[in-house]
């Protein structure tokens, strides 16, 4: 199963895509993905029910979050109300160690995203201040990153034994599916997504060169 693990809808402050339009684009362009995860900025969307759209378009539509830490932006999968209560998702400078500890404690998982970017990525912060224990996975393909930024992300993962994911970081419809993550088995909901990420065996894939 192939999922785009990093996408933003109009629920995000800078998102310009409706979820239905993502679904229509995926089917119209016959993109080779089975679904996507909505990782809205600094929040978790408890309200929206994408079940009918998922059924209509035969796609997995899952939800996560993108939070901001002192080591750059981080995707969080497996979000629950207790986790939202554990730290302020709206903060723009969360301590990475706190995000890692709380996600682990609440059965979720944190994945630093676009680590090769300056300021909002992990690489530069790690070079300056050292690594933070507890990171196991980083995003190595990001649809909005330059080639050199993805290369830095791959280098970070290789040097430190991190697993790598892919996500489009789409904010507009035509960017969905530029990068994704291939899992060896089915991923039906947020809980099985966390299990699949913990189990390993997945790989990051990209189609940026042909987008």
N, C-alpha and C. Protein backbone atom coordinates (compact mmCIF):
# COMPACT_ATOMS: atom_id res chain seq x y z
N UNK A 1 0.84 -1.19 0.00
CA UNK A 1 0.00 0.00 0.00
C UNK A 1 0.88 1.24 0.00
N UNK A 2 0.53 2.21 -0.83
CA UNK A 2 1.31 3.43 -0.96
C UNK A 2 0.50 4.62 -0.47
N UNK A 3 1.03 5.32 0.53
CA UNK A 3 0.34 6.47 1.12
C UNK A 3 1.24 7.69 1.09
N UNK A 4 0.65 8.82 0.73
CA UNK A 4 1.30 10.12 0.85
C UNK A 4 1.10 10.56 2.30
N UNK A 5 2.19 10.60 3.07
CA UNK A 5 2.07 10.82 4.52
C UNK A 5 2.10 12.29 4.95
N UNK A 6 2.05 13.22 4.00
CA UNK A 6 2.22 14.63 4.37
C UNK A 6 1.43 15.51 3.40
N UNK A 7 0.24 15.93 3.82
CA UNK A 7 -0.59 16.78 2.97
C UNK A 7 -1.39 17.75 3.83
N UNK A 8 -1.72 18.89 3.25
CA UNK A 8 -2.46 19.93 3.96
C UNK A 8 -3.70 20.34 3.16
N UNK A 9 -4.80 20.52 3.84
CA UNK A 9 -6.03 20.99 3.22
C UNK A 9 -6.28 22.44 3.62
N UNK A 10 -7.44 22.95 3.27
CA UNK A 10 -7.81 24.31 3.66
C UNK A 10 -7.95 24.46 5.17
N UNK A 11 -7.91 23.36 5.89
CA UNK A 11 -7.91 23.43 7.36
C UNK A 11 -6.61 24.03 7.88
N UNK A 12 -5.54 23.92 7.10
CA UNK A 12 -4.26 24.53 7.48
C UNK A 12 -4.26 26.00 7.07
N UNK A 13 -3.49 26.82 7.77
CA UNK A 13 -3.51 28.26 7.52
C UNK A 13 -3.06 28.63 6.12
N UNK A 14 -2.17 27.81 5.52
CA UNK A 14 -1.69 28.13 4.17
C UNK A 14 -2.10 27.08 3.14
N UNK A 15 -3.04 26.21 3.50
CA UNK A 15 -3.51 25.20 2.57
C UNK A 15 -4.58 25.75 1.64
N UNK A 16 -4.52 25.36 0.38
CA UNK A 16 -5.48 25.88 -0.60
C UNK A 16 -6.26 24.76 -1.31
N UNK A 17 -6.20 23.56 -0.75
CA UNK A 17 -6.84 22.42 -1.40
C UNK A 17 -7.96 21.84 -0.54
N UNK A 18 -9.07 21.55 -1.16
CA UNK A 18 -10.14 20.82 -0.48
C UNK A 18 -9.84 19.32 -0.60
N UNK A 19 -10.21 18.59 0.41
CA UNK A 19 -9.92 17.15 0.43
C UNK A 19 -10.59 16.45 -0.74
N UNK A 20 -11.80 16.83 -1.05
CA UNK A 20 -12.50 16.23 -2.19
C UNK A 20 -11.73 16.45 -3.48
N UNK A 21 -11.13 17.62 -3.63
CA UNK A 21 -10.36 17.91 -4.85
C UNK A 21 -9.09 17.08 -4.93
N UNK A 22 -8.45 16.80 -3.78
CA UNK A 22 -7.33 15.87 -3.77
C UNK A 22 -7.77 14.51 -4.33
N UNK A 23 -8.89 14.03 -3.83
CA UNK A 23 -9.40 12.72 -4.27
C UNK A 23 -9.69 12.72 -5.76
N UNK A 24 -10.33 13.77 -6.25
CA UNK A 24 -10.65 13.86 -7.67
C UNK A 24 -9.37 13.88 -8.52
N UNK A 25 -8.37 14.60 -8.06
CA UNK A 25 -7.11 14.70 -8.80
C UNK A 25 -6.40 13.35 -8.85
N UNK A 26 -6.37 12.66 -7.73
CA UNK A 26 -5.71 11.35 -7.69
C UNK A 26 -6.34 10.40 -8.69
N UNK A 27 -7.66 10.39 -8.76
CA UNK A 27 -8.34 9.49 -9.69
C UNK A 27 -8.22 9.97 -11.14
N UNK A 28 -8.34 11.28 -11.34
CA UNK A 28 -8.24 11.81 -12.70
C UNK A 28 -6.88 11.54 -13.31
N UNK A 29 -5.83 11.74 -12.52
CA UNK A 29 -4.47 11.57 -13.01
C UNK A 29 -3.95 10.14 -12.82
N UNK A 30 -4.78 9.28 -12.26
CA UNK A 30 -4.41 7.88 -12.01
C UNK A 30 -3.08 7.79 -11.26
N UNK A 31 -2.98 8.59 -10.21
CA UNK A 31 -1.76 8.58 -9.42
C UNK A 31 -1.60 7.24 -8.70
N UNK A 32 -0.38 6.75 -8.58
CA UNK A 32 -0.15 5.42 -8.01
C UNK A 32 -0.10 5.42 -6.48
N UNK A 33 -1.06 6.08 -5.85
CA UNK A 33 -1.13 6.06 -4.39
C UNK A 33 -2.51 5.56 -3.96
N UNK A 34 -2.54 4.98 -2.77
CA UNK A 34 -3.79 4.42 -2.24
C UNK A 34 -4.47 5.35 -1.25
N UNK A 35 -3.85 6.47 -0.96
CA UNK A 35 -4.45 7.41 -0.04
C UNK A 35 -3.43 8.40 0.47
N UNK A 36 -3.85 9.18 1.47
CA UNK A 36 -2.97 10.24 1.98
C UNK A 36 -3.35 10.55 3.42
N UNK A 37 -2.43 11.22 4.10
CA UNK A 37 -2.63 11.62 5.49
C UNK A 37 -2.66 13.14 5.55
N UNK A 38 -3.70 13.68 6.13
CA UNK A 38 -3.83 15.12 6.31
C UNK A 38 -3.13 15.53 7.60
N UNK A 39 -2.02 16.23 7.46
CA UNK A 39 -1.20 16.62 8.60
C UNK A 39 -1.30 18.14 8.77
N UNK A 40 -2.44 18.59 9.26
CA UNK A 40 -2.68 20.03 9.35
C UNK A 40 -1.73 20.69 10.34
N UNK A 41 -1.37 21.93 10.04
CA UNK A 41 -0.40 22.67 10.84
C UNK A 41 -0.92 22.99 12.24
N UNK A 42 -0.10 22.63 13.25
CA UNK A 42 -0.31 23.08 14.64
C UNK A 42 -1.70 22.78 15.18
N UNK A 43 -2.26 21.65 14.80
CA UNK A 43 -3.60 21.29 15.26
C UNK A 43 -3.86 19.83 14.92
N UNK A 44 -4.92 19.30 15.51
CA UNK A 44 -5.44 18.02 15.03
C UNK A 44 -6.93 18.20 14.78
N UNK A 45 -7.37 17.81 13.61
CA UNK A 45 -8.75 18.00 13.19
C UNK A 45 -9.62 16.83 13.66
N UNK A 46 -10.19 16.98 14.84
CA UNK A 46 -11.09 15.95 15.36
C UNK A 46 -12.45 15.98 14.67
N UNK A 47 -12.83 17.09 14.12
CA UNK A 47 -14.20 17.30 13.66
C UNK A 47 -14.53 16.65 12.32
N UNK A 48 -13.64 16.74 11.36
CA UNK A 48 -13.97 16.32 10.00
C UNK A 48 -14.08 14.81 9.86
N UNK A 49 -15.11 14.38 9.15
CA UNK A 49 -15.31 12.95 8.86
C UNK A 49 -15.13 12.76 7.36
N UNK A 50 -14.03 12.13 7.00
CA UNK A 50 -13.75 11.91 5.58
C UNK A 50 -14.14 10.50 5.13
N UNK A 51 -14.87 9.79 5.97
CA UNK A 51 -15.29 8.44 5.62
C UNK A 51 -16.07 8.36 4.32
N UNK A 52 -17.07 9.22 4.11
CA UNK A 52 -17.82 9.16 2.84
C UNK A 52 -16.95 9.41 1.61
N UNK A 53 -16.02 10.36 1.70
CA UNK A 53 -15.12 10.61 0.57
C UNK A 53 -14.20 9.42 0.33
N UNK A 54 -13.69 8.85 1.41
CA UNK A 54 -12.82 7.69 1.29
C UNK A 54 -13.54 6.54 0.58
N UNK A 55 -14.79 6.35 0.94
CA UNK A 55 -15.58 5.28 0.32
C UNK A 55 -15.89 5.59 -1.14
N UNK A 56 -16.26 6.84 -1.42
CA UNK A 56 -16.61 7.23 -2.79
C UNK A 56 -15.45 7.05 -3.75
N UNK A 57 -14.24 7.42 -3.30
CA UNK A 57 -13.08 7.39 -4.19
C UNK A 57 -12.18 6.18 -3.95
N UNK A 58 -12.57 5.30 -3.03
CA UNK A 58 -11.78 4.11 -2.69
C UNK A 58 -10.35 4.50 -2.35
N UNK A 59 -10.22 5.42 -1.40
CA UNK A 59 -8.92 5.89 -0.94
C UNK A 59 -8.86 5.88 0.58
N UNK A 60 -7.67 5.71 1.12
CA UNK A 60 -7.47 5.90 2.55
C UNK A 60 -7.27 7.40 2.80
N UNK A 61 -8.07 7.97 3.67
CA UNK A 61 -7.89 9.37 4.05
C UNK A 61 -7.73 9.39 5.57
N UNK A 62 -6.49 9.53 6.00
CA UNK A 62 -6.17 9.48 7.42
C UNK A 62 -5.79 10.87 7.91
N UNK A 63 -5.68 11.00 9.23
CA UNK A 63 -5.37 12.31 9.80
C UNK A 63 -4.19 12.22 10.77
N UNK A 64 -3.35 13.26 10.72
CA UNK A 64 -2.24 13.41 11.65
C UNK A 64 -2.09 14.89 11.96
N UNK A 65 -0.87 15.31 12.21
CA UNK A 65 -0.62 16.72 12.51
C UNK A 65 0.82 17.05 12.16
N UNK A 66 1.07 18.34 11.92
CA UNK A 66 2.44 18.84 11.79
C UNK A 66 2.65 19.91 12.86
N UNK A 67 3.56 19.63 13.76
CA UNK A 67 3.85 20.57 14.85
C UNK A 67 5.22 21.19 14.64
N UNK A 68 5.47 22.28 15.37
CA UNK A 68 6.72 23.02 15.21
C UNK A 68 7.55 22.91 16.49
N UNK A 69 8.79 22.48 16.35
CA UNK A 69 9.65 22.27 17.51
C UNK A 69 10.93 23.10 17.39
N UNK A 70 11.73 23.05 18.42
CA UNK A 70 13.01 23.76 18.41
C UNK A 70 14.02 23.10 17.49
N UNK A 71 13.67 21.94 16.91
CA UNK A 71 14.52 21.26 15.93
C UNK A 71 13.84 21.20 14.56
N UNK A 72 12.84 22.01 14.34
CA UNK A 72 12.14 22.00 13.07
C UNK A 72 10.78 21.34 13.16
N UNK A 73 10.14 21.22 12.02
CA UNK A 73 8.78 20.69 11.97
C UNK A 73 8.76 19.17 12.09
N UNK A 74 7.69 18.67 12.69
CA UNK A 74 7.58 17.23 12.98
C UNK A 74 6.16 16.76 12.67
N UNK A 75 6.05 15.68 11.92
CA UNK A 75 4.75 15.04 11.69
C UNK A 75 4.44 14.12 12.86
N UNK A 76 3.18 14.13 13.28
CA UNK A 76 2.74 13.27 14.37
C UNK A 76 1.60 12.40 13.88
N UNK A 77 1.76 11.10 14.01
CA UNK A 77 0.75 10.13 13.59
C UNK A 77 0.22 9.37 14.81
N UNK A 78 -1.07 9.08 14.81
CA UNK A 78 -1.68 8.40 15.94
C UNK A 78 -2.14 9.36 17.02
N UNK A 79 -2.57 10.55 16.62
CA UNK A 79 -2.97 11.58 17.57
C UNK A 79 -4.26 11.20 18.28
N UNK A 80 -4.28 11.42 19.58
CA UNK A 80 -5.47 11.17 20.40
C UNK A 80 -5.72 12.40 21.27
N UNK A 81 -6.88 12.45 21.89
CA UNK A 81 -7.18 13.58 22.78
C UNK A 81 -6.18 13.67 23.94
N UNK A 82 -5.82 12.55 24.58
CA UNK A 82 -4.81 12.66 25.64
C UNK A 82 -3.48 13.22 25.15
N UNK A 83 -3.09 12.92 23.90
CA UNK A 83 -1.85 13.47 23.38
C UNK A 83 -1.99 14.97 23.14
N UNK A 84 -3.12 15.39 22.61
CA UNK A 84 -3.36 16.82 22.40
C UNK A 84 -3.32 17.57 23.73
N UNK A 85 -3.79 16.91 24.79
CA UNK A 85 -3.78 17.53 26.11
C UNK A 85 -2.37 17.55 26.73
N UNK A 86 -1.48 16.73 26.20
CA UNK A 86 -0.15 16.58 26.80
C UNK A 86 0.79 17.73 26.46
N UNK A 87 0.62 18.33 25.29
CA UNK A 87 1.41 19.50 24.93
C UNK A 87 0.62 20.39 23.98
N UNK A 88 1.07 21.62 23.84
CA UNK A 88 0.34 22.62 23.06
C UNK A 88 0.68 22.50 21.58
N UNK A 89 -0.21 21.89 20.83
CA UNK A 89 0.02 21.69 19.41
C UNK A 89 0.17 23.02 18.67
N UNK A 90 -0.40 24.09 19.21
CA UNK A 90 -0.37 25.39 18.54
C UNK A 90 0.95 26.13 18.75
N UNK A 91 1.78 25.66 19.66
CA UNK A 91 3.05 26.33 19.93
C UNK A 91 3.97 26.26 18.71
N UNK A 92 4.79 27.30 18.53
CA UNK A 92 5.72 27.30 17.41
C UNK A 92 7.14 26.95 17.84
N UNK A 93 7.33 26.60 19.11
CA UNK A 93 8.68 26.20 19.57
C UNK A 93 8.57 25.13 20.66
N UNK A 94 7.95 24.05 20.33
CA UNK A 94 7.88 22.92 21.25
C UNK A 94 9.26 22.28 21.39
N UNK A 95 9.65 21.83 22.55
CA UNK A 95 10.90 21.06 22.67
C UNK A 95 10.74 19.71 21.96
N UNK A 96 11.64 19.39 21.06
CA UNK A 96 11.54 18.13 20.34
C UNK A 96 11.53 16.95 21.31
N UNK A 97 12.34 17.01 22.33
CA UNK A 97 12.39 15.88 23.26
C UNK A 97 11.04 15.65 23.92
N UNK A 98 10.28 16.73 24.17
CA UNK A 98 8.95 16.57 24.76
C UNK A 98 7.98 15.92 23.78
N UNK A 99 8.03 16.35 22.53
CA UNK A 99 7.16 15.75 21.51
C UNK A 99 7.46 14.26 21.36
N UNK A 100 8.75 13.91 21.33
CA UNK A 100 9.13 12.49 21.21
C UNK A 100 8.67 11.69 22.41
N UNK A 101 8.86 12.22 23.59
CA UNK A 101 8.48 11.51 24.82
C UNK A 101 6.97 11.33 24.91
N UNK A 102 6.22 12.38 24.63
CA UNK A 102 4.77 12.30 24.78
C UNK A 102 4.12 11.43 23.70
N UNK A 103 4.64 11.51 22.48
CA UNK A 103 4.08 10.64 21.44
C UNK A 103 4.33 9.18 21.79
N UNK A 104 5.51 8.88 22.27
CA UNK A 104 5.82 7.50 22.67
C UNK A 104 4.91 7.06 23.82
N UNK A 105 4.73 7.94 24.77
CA UNK A 105 3.92 7.60 25.96
C UNK A 105 2.46 7.36 25.61
N UNK A 106 1.97 8.03 24.56
CA UNK A 106 0.56 7.92 24.18
C UNK A 106 0.34 7.04 22.96
N UNK A 107 1.32 6.23 22.60
CA UNK A 107 1.14 5.27 21.52
C UNK A 107 1.12 5.87 20.14
N UNK A 108 1.66 7.08 20.00
CA UNK A 108 1.75 7.73 18.70
C UNK A 108 3.20 7.67 18.22
N UNK A 109 3.50 8.34 17.12
CA UNK A 109 4.87 8.34 16.61
C UNK A 109 5.16 9.68 15.96
N UNK A 110 6.37 10.19 16.15
CA UNK A 110 6.78 11.49 15.63
C UNK A 110 7.85 11.31 14.56
N UNK A 111 7.69 12.04 13.46
CA UNK A 111 8.61 11.93 12.32
C UNK A 111 9.04 13.33 11.89
N UNK A 112 10.27 13.76 12.21
CA UNK A 112 10.74 15.05 11.72
C UNK A 112 10.64 15.12 10.20
N UNK A 113 10.05 16.21 9.70
CA UNK A 113 9.81 16.31 8.26
C UNK A 113 10.72 17.37 7.62
N UNK A 114 10.86 17.25 6.29
CA UNK A 114 11.79 18.07 5.50
C UNK A 114 13.02 18.51 6.31
N UNK A 115 13.78 17.54 6.84
CA UNK A 115 14.91 17.88 7.72
C UNK A 115 16.02 18.65 7.02
N UNK A 116 16.08 18.59 5.70
CA UNK A 116 17.14 19.28 4.99
C UNK A 116 16.92 20.77 4.81
N UNK A 117 15.75 21.27 5.14
CA UNK A 117 15.49 22.70 4.99
C UNK A 117 16.09 23.49 6.14
N UNK A 118 16.50 24.71 5.84
CA UNK A 118 17.03 25.57 6.90
C UNK A 118 15.90 26.03 7.81
N UNK A 119 16.20 26.20 9.05
CA UNK A 119 15.29 26.71 10.10
C UNK A 119 14.16 25.74 10.45
N UNK A 120 13.43 25.26 9.44
CA UNK A 120 12.28 24.40 9.73
C UNK A 120 12.61 22.92 9.61
N UNK A 121 13.89 22.59 9.41
CA UNK A 121 14.31 21.20 9.30
C UNK A 121 15.32 20.84 10.37
N UNK A 122 15.47 19.55 10.61
CA UNK A 122 16.26 19.05 11.74
C UNK A 122 17.77 19.12 11.51
N UNK A 123 18.23 19.01 10.26
CA UNK A 123 19.66 18.84 10.00
C UNK A 123 20.50 19.98 10.58
N UNK A 124 20.14 21.20 10.27
CA UNK A 124 20.94 22.34 10.72
C UNK A 124 20.96 22.44 12.24
N UNK A 125 19.83 22.16 12.87
CA UNK A 125 19.77 22.21 14.33
C UNK A 125 20.63 21.11 14.94
N UNK A 126 20.61 19.92 14.33
CA UNK A 126 21.40 18.80 14.85
C UNK A 126 22.89 19.09 14.71
N UNK A 127 23.29 19.72 13.60
CA UNK A 127 24.70 20.07 13.42
C UNK A 127 25.15 21.08 14.48
N UNK A 128 24.25 21.98 14.83
CA UNK A 128 24.60 23.04 15.78
C UNK A 128 24.56 22.57 17.22
N UNK A 129 23.55 21.73 17.55
CA UNK A 129 23.32 21.40 18.96
C UNK A 129 23.36 19.91 19.26
N UNK A 130 23.55 19.09 18.26
CA UNK A 130 23.58 17.66 18.47
C UNK A 130 22.23 17.01 18.26
N UNK A 131 22.22 15.69 18.19
CA UNK A 131 20.99 14.94 17.96
C UNK A 131 20.17 14.84 19.24
N UNK A 132 18.86 14.67 19.06
CA UNK A 132 17.96 14.44 20.19
C UNK A 132 17.62 12.95 20.22
N UNK A 133 17.87 12.26 21.33
CA UNK A 133 17.55 10.83 21.40
C UNK A 133 16.05 10.58 21.20
N UNK A 134 15.75 9.48 20.56
CA UNK A 134 14.36 9.08 20.40
C UNK A 134 13.84 9.16 18.98
N UNK A 135 14.56 9.86 18.10
CA UNK A 135 14.15 9.91 16.70
C UNK A 135 14.45 8.55 16.06
N UNK A 136 13.48 8.00 15.37
CA UNK A 136 13.67 6.72 14.69
C UNK A 136 13.42 6.82 13.19
N UNK A 137 12.60 7.79 12.79
CA UNK A 137 12.19 7.94 11.40
C UNK A 137 12.26 9.42 11.04
N UNK A 138 12.72 9.72 9.83
CA UNK A 138 12.65 11.08 9.31
C UNK A 138 12.09 11.03 7.89
N UNK A 139 11.55 12.14 7.45
CA UNK A 139 11.04 12.25 6.09
C UNK A 139 12.21 12.51 5.16
N UNK A 140 12.46 11.59 4.23
CA UNK A 140 13.62 11.74 3.34
C UNK A 140 13.24 12.23 1.95
N UNK A 141 11.97 12.08 1.57
CA UNK A 141 11.46 12.66 0.33
C UNK A 141 10.31 13.59 0.68
N UNK A 142 10.44 14.86 0.28
CA UNK A 142 9.39 15.84 0.50
C UNK A 142 9.10 16.54 -0.82
N UNK A 143 7.84 16.58 -1.18
CA UNK A 143 7.46 17.12 -2.49
C UNK A 143 7.77 18.58 -2.69
N UNK A 144 7.97 19.32 -1.60
CA UNK A 144 8.28 20.73 -1.72
C UNK A 144 9.74 21.06 -1.51
N UNK A 145 10.57 20.07 -1.26
CA UNK A 145 11.98 20.31 -0.98
C UNK A 145 12.83 20.26 -2.25
N UNK A 146 13.92 21.01 -2.24
CA UNK A 146 14.90 20.93 -3.34
C UNK A 146 15.65 19.62 -3.27
N UNK A 147 16.30 19.27 -4.38
CA UNK A 147 17.06 18.03 -4.41
C UNK A 147 18.15 17.99 -3.36
N UNK A 148 18.81 19.12 -3.14
CA UNK A 148 19.87 19.17 -2.14
C UNK A 148 19.32 18.98 -0.73
N UNK A 149 18.09 19.44 -0.51
CA UNK A 149 17.47 19.30 0.81
C UNK A 149 17.08 17.84 1.06
N UNK A 150 16.55 17.19 0.03
CA UNK A 150 16.26 15.76 0.17
C UNK A 150 17.55 14.97 0.36
N UNK A 151 18.62 15.37 -0.33
CA UNK A 151 19.91 14.68 -0.19
C UNK A 151 20.43 14.81 1.24
N UNK A 152 20.26 15.98 1.83
CA UNK A 152 20.68 16.17 3.22
C UNK A 152 19.86 15.29 4.16
N UNK A 153 18.57 15.15 3.85
CA UNK A 153 17.70 14.30 4.66
C UNK A 153 18.13 12.83 4.58
N UNK A 154 18.44 12.38 3.37
CA UNK A 154 18.93 11.00 3.19
C UNK A 154 20.23 10.79 3.94
N UNK A 155 21.11 11.77 3.88
CA UNK A 155 22.40 11.67 4.55
C UNK A 155 22.21 11.58 6.06
N UNK A 156 21.30 12.40 6.59
CA UNK A 156 20.99 12.35 8.02
C UNK A 156 20.49 10.97 8.42
N UNK A 157 19.59 10.41 7.62
CA UNK A 157 19.02 9.10 7.92
C UNK A 157 20.09 8.01 7.85
N UNK A 158 20.91 8.06 6.81
CA UNK A 158 21.93 7.02 6.64
C UNK A 158 22.96 7.05 7.76
N UNK A 159 23.40 8.23 8.14
CA UNK A 159 24.44 8.36 9.16
C UNK A 159 23.96 7.92 10.53
N UNK A 160 22.66 8.07 10.78
CA UNK A 160 22.14 7.82 12.13
C UNK A 160 21.21 6.62 12.23
N UNK A 161 21.08 5.87 11.14
CA UNK A 161 20.28 4.66 11.17
C UNK A 161 18.79 4.91 11.26
N UNK A 162 18.34 6.07 10.77
CA UNK A 162 16.91 6.37 10.78
C UNK A 162 16.23 5.71 9.58
N UNK A 163 14.98 5.32 9.76
CA UNK A 163 14.16 4.92 8.63
C UNK A 163 13.66 6.18 7.92
N UNK A 164 13.22 6.01 6.66
CA UNK A 164 12.82 7.18 5.88
C UNK A 164 11.43 7.06 5.29
N UNK A 165 10.66 8.15 5.36
CA UNK A 165 9.34 8.20 4.76
C UNK A 165 9.32 9.24 3.64
N UNK A 166 8.23 9.23 2.88
CA UNK A 166 8.02 10.22 1.83
C UNK A 166 6.63 10.82 1.92
N UNK A 167 6.54 12.11 1.62
CA UNK A 167 5.25 12.79 1.60
C UNK A 167 5.32 14.01 0.71
N UNK A 168 4.22 14.36 0.08
CA UNK A 168 4.23 15.45 -0.89
C UNK A 168 4.34 16.82 -0.26
N UNK A 169 3.88 16.97 0.99
CA UNK A 169 3.77 18.29 1.61
C UNK A 169 2.87 19.17 0.76
N UNK A 170 1.86 18.57 0.17
CA UNK A 170 0.98 19.30 -0.75
C UNK A 170 0.16 20.35 -0.02
N UNK A 171 0.11 21.53 -0.62
CA UNK A 171 -0.78 22.60 -0.17
C UNK A 171 -1.77 22.98 -1.27
N UNK A 172 -1.48 22.52 -2.49
CA UNK A 172 -2.38 22.71 -3.62
C UNK A 172 -2.64 21.34 -4.25
N UNK A 173 -3.74 21.24 -4.97
CA UNK A 173 -4.22 19.95 -5.44
C UNK A 173 -3.19 19.22 -6.31
N UNK A 174 -2.55 19.94 -7.23
CA UNK A 174 -1.68 19.28 -8.20
C UNK A 174 -0.39 18.74 -7.59
N UNK A 175 -0.13 19.02 -6.33
CA UNK A 175 1.10 18.52 -5.70
C UNK A 175 0.90 17.21 -4.95
N UNK A 176 -0.32 16.77 -4.76
CA UNK A 176 -0.56 15.54 -4.01
C UNK A 176 0.11 14.36 -4.72
N UNK A 177 0.70 13.47 -3.94
CA UNK A 177 1.28 12.27 -4.50
C UNK A 177 2.66 12.43 -5.12
N UNK A 178 3.30 13.57 -4.98
CA UNK A 178 4.64 13.74 -5.54
C UNK A 178 5.65 12.82 -4.85
N UNK A 179 5.45 12.61 -3.57
CA UNK A 179 6.27 11.68 -2.80
C UNK A 179 5.32 10.88 -1.91
N UNK A 180 5.73 9.69 -1.53
CA UNK A 180 4.87 8.85 -0.72
C UNK A 180 5.70 7.78 -0.03
N UNK A 181 5.01 6.91 0.70
CA UNK A 181 5.66 5.83 1.43
C UNK A 181 4.98 4.52 1.07
N UNK A 182 5.77 3.54 0.67
CA UNK A 182 5.24 2.22 0.31
C UNK A 182 5.36 1.28 1.50
N UNK A 183 4.21 0.73 1.92
CA UNK A 183 4.16 -0.21 3.04
C UNK A 183 3.97 -1.63 2.51
N UNK A 184 4.52 -2.61 3.22
CA UNK A 184 4.41 -3.99 2.75
C UNK A 184 3.02 -4.60 2.92
N UNK A 185 2.19 -3.99 3.75
CA UNK A 185 0.85 -4.51 3.99
C UNK A 185 -0.17 -3.40 4.03
N UNK A 186 -1.44 -3.75 4.27
CA UNK A 186 -2.50 -2.74 4.29
C UNK A 186 -2.40 -1.81 5.49
N UNK A 187 -2.79 -0.57 5.28
CA UNK A 187 -2.88 0.44 6.34
C UNK A 187 -4.29 1.02 6.26
N UNK A 188 -5.13 0.65 7.21
CA UNK A 188 -6.55 0.98 7.12
C UNK A 188 -6.97 2.18 7.96
N UNK A 189 -6.19 2.51 8.98
CA UNK A 189 -6.57 3.61 9.86
C UNK A 189 -5.32 4.15 10.55
N UNK A 190 -5.53 5.13 11.43
CA UNK A 190 -4.38 5.76 12.09
C UNK A 190 -3.63 4.77 12.98
N UNK A 191 -4.35 3.87 13.62
CA UNK A 191 -3.69 2.91 14.51
C UNK A 191 -2.80 1.96 13.73
N UNK A 192 -3.27 1.46 12.60
CA UNK A 192 -2.44 0.55 11.81
C UNK A 192 -1.30 1.30 11.11
N UNK A 193 -1.50 2.59 10.87
CA UNK A 193 -0.39 3.40 10.33
C UNK A 193 0.74 3.47 11.34
N UNK A 194 0.41 3.71 12.59
CA UNK A 194 1.44 3.75 13.64
C UNK A 194 2.14 2.40 13.74
N UNK A 195 1.37 1.33 13.72
CA UNK A 195 1.95 -0.02 13.79
C UNK A 195 2.90 -0.26 12.61
N UNK A 196 2.48 0.16 11.43
CA UNK A 196 3.30 -0.05 10.24
C UNK A 196 4.60 0.75 10.31
N UNK A 197 4.53 1.96 10.83
CA UNK A 197 5.73 2.77 10.98
C UNK A 197 6.66 2.18 12.03
N UNK A 198 6.11 1.66 13.09
CA UNK A 198 6.93 1.04 14.14
C UNK A 198 7.57 -0.25 13.64
N UNK A 199 6.88 -0.96 12.77
CA UNK A 199 7.36 -2.26 12.31
C UNK A 199 8.50 -2.15 11.31
N UNK A 200 8.56 -1.02 10.60
CA UNK A 200 9.58 -0.88 9.56
C UNK A 200 9.17 -1.64 8.31
N UNK A 201 10.12 -1.82 7.40
CA UNK A 201 9.83 -2.54 6.16
C UNK A 201 9.23 -1.65 5.09
N UNK A 202 9.00 -0.39 5.39
CA UNK A 202 8.45 0.55 4.41
C UNK A 202 9.59 1.25 3.69
N UNK A 203 9.25 1.94 2.60
CA UNK A 203 10.27 2.70 1.87
C UNK A 203 9.66 3.97 1.30
N UNK A 204 10.46 5.02 1.24
CA UNK A 204 10.05 6.28 0.66
C UNK A 204 10.18 6.20 -0.86
N UNK A 205 9.19 6.76 -1.56
CA UNK A 205 9.22 6.77 -3.02
C UNK A 205 8.88 8.18 -3.50
N UNK A 206 9.35 8.51 -4.69
CA UNK A 206 9.08 9.85 -5.23
C UNK A 206 8.87 9.79 -6.73
N UNK A 207 8.01 10.69 -7.18
CA UNK A 207 7.77 10.89 -8.61
C UNK A 207 7.98 12.35 -8.96
N UNK A 208 8.76 13.07 -8.16
CA UNK A 208 8.94 14.50 -8.37
C UNK A 208 9.52 14.81 -9.75
N UNK A 209 10.40 13.96 -10.23
CA UNK A 209 11.07 14.24 -11.50
C UNK A 209 10.11 14.20 -12.68
N UNK A 210 8.97 13.53 -12.51
CA UNK A 210 8.00 13.41 -13.61
C UNK A 210 6.74 14.20 -13.33
N UNK A 211 6.71 14.97 -12.23
CA UNK A 211 5.50 15.73 -11.87
C UNK A 211 5.42 17.01 -12.69
